[in-house]
Structure formats: C-alpha cells, structure tokens
Amino acid sequence: MLRRSLLSTFALFALVLSCGGGTRYVVQQGGGTVYLLTNLHPDARNVLSSLNYTAPSRGSLLAMCTPVQILRVTDREIRFQDLNTNRRYRYILHRSTRMSTEQHMQRYFGGACSDLLQLSAEDQSGIQRGQVFQGMTKQGVILALGYPPEHQTPTLEADVWRYWSDGRRSFEVHFINGVVNGIR
C-alpha cells in the first residue's frame, strides 16, 4: 500500500526497461508538487550524490520543505526542479549505494513536510543552518544533513554515523541515547 501511494505521489505511471538493462521510470507530464523531506547539499553544478556530501565545493543548501517537481527517474538518477527558483538538480546514486532509487525517493521526497516546531531548539537550529550540533537528536541530524551514506553507516541504530564533507574529507557524528554528544 505504501509503495503504491508513494508512486502515485510522485506521479510515476509506468516502468520501462531501458536498453542498458536498468529500470527507467517515466514521469507523467505536469506531475504534482512534492517536498524535500531533509536538507540537501548540491554542488556548484546542482548535482547531489547519494554519498551525501554535506559541504560540496561551492555548494549551497537546498532547504527541507522546498517544493519540487520530479522530472525524471532512472535506476541511477533522480532529476528534479526547485519550484521556487526553477533550478534543476541531479541526484546521482553512487556505485556504492545498496538501496534502490525508490528507497532514495522515499527518504528525500514526499507529499508533506515535518512539523519542525515539535523538535528541540538544537534540532531546529541545526536544520535551519544545514549543520549538526551537540545536543541534536538522530531525527534532527537526518533533517539537517540528510541520511549518512549506507556503505559507511549500514544502520541508523548505530551510535556513530559517518558523513562526507566533500570527496576527500569525512567526519563522524557520535550519539549517546540518540543525542549527539560529539562530532569528530
């Protein structure tokens, strides 16, 4: 039921097998508005990676709850447009990604936004800035930075999550009882 609902939310109406053997999702013209469920950090070329670089070169912050339209989905890429600025973005699934495109869509795009007023002041501050701070919850970190790459953090139940700042530098977020107690 969730899968069927999710597919209709994204206005996906058909699956087509491409010549390369991968699955290509066809997006219906005039598909509906969806919203970013977390902050995203595109680089200067408006490209995002499933490795989720949190500080790409000359990057920016694409804030959660931004209204977007899904333009194209394949088994390795999601293309979407920010409806506020009309900028187009490419979300590319890195070769290390274990999850499907559909799972990435479920993580980052949805029909409604979270109510940030229900979160702590630390979470709200981190989400607004797109950064992680001591005292934030796991939910707050996900909303602020996005999900950690699954090849470095296979489970969100772990007490240490590894993120990449860019292609060369990484950092770890340490939790005690689900609250950030250190960033290294």
Protein backbone atom coordinates (compact mmCIF):
# COMPACT_ATOMS: atom_id res chain seq x y z
CA MET A 1 0.00 0.00 0.00
CA LEU A 2 2.81 2.45 0.92
CA ARG A 3 4.62 1.69 -2.33
CA ARG A 4 1.51 2.28 -4.44
CA SER A 5 0.80 5.52 -2.58
CA LEU A 6 4.39 6.68 -2.95
CA LEU A 7 4.45 6.02 -6.68
CA SER A 8 1.25 7.96 -7.23
CA THR A 9 2.58 10.81 -5.07
CA PHE A 10 5.50 11.16 -7.45
CA ALA A 11 3.22 10.91 -10.48
CA LEU A 12 5.13 7.91 -11.77
CA PHE A 13 2.91 5.97 -14.08
CA ALA A 14 5.00 3.35 -15.89
CA LEU A 15 8.17 1.31 -15.73
CA VAL A 16 10.11 0.91 -18.95
CA LEU A 17 13.13 -1.37 -19.41
CA SER A 18 15.95 0.59 -20.98
CA CYS A 19 18.37 -0.87 -23.48
CA GLY A 20 21.12 -0.91 -20.85
CA GLY A 21 19.16 -3.36 -18.72
CA GLY A 22 18.31 -0.88 -15.97
CA THR A 23 14.87 0.28 -14.97
CA ARG A 24 13.70 3.64 -16.19
CA TYR A 25 10.73 5.29 -14.54
CA VAL A 26 8.60 7.52 -16.70
CA VAL A 27 7.35 10.67 -15.00
CA GLN A 28 3.95 11.94 -16.02
CA GLN A 29 3.88 15.41 -17.58
CA GLY A 30 2.65 18.02 -15.12
CA GLY A 31 3.36 15.73 -12.17
CA GLY A 32 2.37 17.08 -8.81
CA THR A 33 4.39 19.02 -6.31
CA VAL A 34 6.37 17.09 -3.71
CA TYR A 35 8.57 18.44 -0.93
CA LEU A 36 12.12 17.80 0.21
CA LEU A 37 11.98 15.79 3.42
CA THR A 38 15.52 16.75 4.50
CA ASN A 39 18.02 19.44 3.66
CA LEU A 40 20.16 18.62 0.63
CA HIS A 41 23.61 19.99 -0.24
CA PRO A 42 24.08 20.37 -4.01
CA ASP A 43 27.41 21.34 -5.50
CA ALA A 44 28.00 24.34 -7.77
CA ARG A 45 26.67 22.36 -10.77
CA ASN A 46 23.42 21.48 -8.91
CA VAL A 47 24.49 17.85 -8.58
CA LEU A 48 23.88 15.77 -5.47
CA SER A 49 25.29 12.35 -4.69
CA SER A 50 23.86 9.52 -2.62
CA LEU A 51 27.17 9.79 -0.76
CA ASN A 52 25.53 12.95 0.59
CA TYR A 53 28.40 15.41 0.64
CA THR A 54 27.49 17.93 3.35
CA ALA A 55 29.88 20.66 2.12
CA PRO A 56 30.48 20.18 -1.61
CA SER A 57 32.76 22.62 -3.42
CA ARG A 58 30.95 25.95 -3.76
CA GLY A 59 27.82 24.16 -2.70
CA SER A 60 24.65 25.52 -1.24
CA LEU A 61 21.80 24.44 0.98
CA LEU A 62 18.56 23.25 -0.56
CA ALA A 63 16.23 23.51 2.43
CA MET A 64 13.83 20.83 3.56
CA CYS A 65 10.19 21.56 2.68
CA THR A 66 11.29 23.12 -0.63
CA PRO A 67 8.57 22.36 -3.19
CA VAL A 68 9.96 20.39 -6.12
CA GLN A 69 8.76 18.53 -9.16
CA ILE A 70 10.27 15.19 -10.11
CA LEU A 71 11.29 15.38 -13.76
CA ARG A 72 12.96 12.05 -14.48
CA VAL A 73 13.87 8.92 -12.56
CA THR A 74 16.14 6.07 -13.62
CA ASP A 75 17.82 3.33 -11.63
CA ARG A 76 20.88 5.61 -11.07
CA GLU A 77 19.49 9.15 -11.08
CA ILE A 78 16.64 11.38 -9.93
CA ARG A 79 16.18 14.71 -11.72
CA PHE A 80 14.03 17.34 -10.10
CA GLN A 81 13.27 21.05 -10.26
CA ASP A 82 13.01 23.51 -7.37
CA LEU A 83 9.65 25.17 -7.94
CA ASN A 84 10.73 28.32 -6.06
CA THR A 85 13.79 29.06 -8.22
CA ASN A 86 13.18 26.83 -11.28
CA ARG A 87 16.71 25.42 -10.83
CA ARG A 88 17.12 21.83 -11.93
CA TYR A 89 19.07 19.27 -9.91
CA ARG A 90 20.50 15.81 -10.47
CA TYR A 91 20.60 13.34 -7.57
CA ILE A 92 23.00 10.58 -8.62
CA LEU A 93 23.15 7.20 -6.92
CA HIS A 94 26.82 6.38 -6.31
CA ARG A 95 28.06 2.90 -7.28
CA SER A 96 28.41 2.03 -3.58
CA THR A 97 24.70 2.63 -2.99
CA ARG A 98 22.86 -0.50 -1.91
CA MET A 99 19.38 0.96 -1.77
CA SER A 100 17.08 1.32 -4.77
CA THR A 101 16.12 4.57 -6.43
CA GLU A 102 12.63 4.15 -4.99
CA GLN A 103 14.07 3.90 -1.47
CA HIS A 104 16.06 7.11 -2.03
CA MET A 105 12.91 8.81 -3.28
CA GLN A 106 11.06 7.72 -0.13
CA ARG A 107 13.83 9.21 2.01
CA TYR A 108 14.11 12.57 0.30
CA PHE A 109 10.79 13.40 -1.40
CA GLY A 110 7.26 13.35 -0.01
CA GLY A 111 3.80 14.83 -0.01
CA ALA A 112 4.16 16.80 3.24
CA CYS A 113 6.85 18.26 5.48
CA SER A 114 7.65 17.52 9.11
CA ASP A 115 6.46 19.95 11.76
CA LEU A 116 9.72 21.44 12.96
CA LEU A 117 8.06 23.14 15.93
CA GLN A 118 7.80 19.72 17.56
CA LEU A 119 11.62 19.44 17.61
CA SER A 120 14.09 20.77 20.17
CA ALA A 121 15.76 24.16 19.80
CA GLU A 122 19.07 22.41 18.97
CA ASP A 123 17.40 20.40 16.20
CA GLN A 124 15.66 23.47 14.76
CA SER A 125 18.90 25.47 14.73
CA GLY A 126 20.86 22.68 13.04
CA ILE A 127 18.16 22.12 10.43
CA GLN A 128 17.94 25.83 9.65
CA ARG A 129 21.72 26.04 9.14
CA GLY A 130 22.16 22.62 7.49
CA GLN A 131 24.70 21.65 10.17
CA VAL A 132 24.99 19.25 13.08
CA PHE A 133 25.40 20.46 16.67
CA GLN A 134 25.87 18.78 20.00
CA GLY A 135 22.51 18.02 21.61
CA MET A 136 20.67 17.29 18.34
CA THR A 137 18.64 14.09 18.01
CA LYS A 138 19.14 11.50 15.28
CA GLN A 139 15.97 12.78 13.59
CA GLY A 140 17.32 16.35 13.72
CA VAL A 141 20.65 15.27 12.18
CA ILE A 142 18.85 13.48 9.33
CA LEU A 143 16.70 16.54 8.64
CA ALA A 144 19.74 18.86 8.79
CA LEU A 145 22.26 16.79 6.81
CA GLY A 146 20.27 14.07 5.09
CA TYR A 147 20.94 10.38 5.62
CA PRO A 148 24.50 9.14 6.10
CA PRO A 149 25.79 7.02 3.19
CA GLU A 150 24.68 3.45 3.86
CA HIS A 151 28.04 1.91 2.92
CA GLN A 152 29.63 3.85 5.83
CA THR A 153 26.66 3.70 8.22
CA PRO A 154 24.76 0.48 7.46
CA THR A 155 22.17 1.05 10.20
CA LEU A 156 20.67 4.16 11.71
CA GLU A 157 20.62 2.31 15.04
CA ALA A 158 24.41 2.75 15.24
CA ASP A 159 25.87 5.20 17.74
CA VAL A 160 28.36 6.55 15.17
CA TRP A 161 27.35 7.89 11.75
CA ARG A 162 29.91 8.81 9.10
CA TYR A 163 29.28 11.62 6.64
CA TRP A 164 31.45 13.06 3.85
CA SER A 165 32.10 16.79 3.77
CA ASP A 166 33.33 16.51 0.21
CA GLY A 167 35.14 13.91 -1.89
CA ARG A 168 38.19 13.86 0.42
CA ARG A 169 37.10 14.65 3.98
CA SER A 170 34.72 12.82 6.26
CA PHE A 171 33.51 13.29 9.80
CA GLU A 172 31.70 11.19 12.38
CA VAL A 173 28.67 12.10 14.45
CA HIS A 174 28.65 10.29 17.83
CA PHE A 175 25.42 9.66 19.71
CA ILE A 176 24.60 8.63 23.27
CA ASN A 177 20.97 7.58 23.77
CA GLY A 178 20.07 9.05 20.36
CA VAL A 179 21.53 12.51 21.09
CA VAL A 180 24.70 13.98 19.55
CA ASN A 181 27.50 14.10 22.08
CA GLY A 182 30.41 14.63 19.71
CA ILE A 183 31.42 15.45 16.15
CA ARG A 184 34.86 14.30 15.03
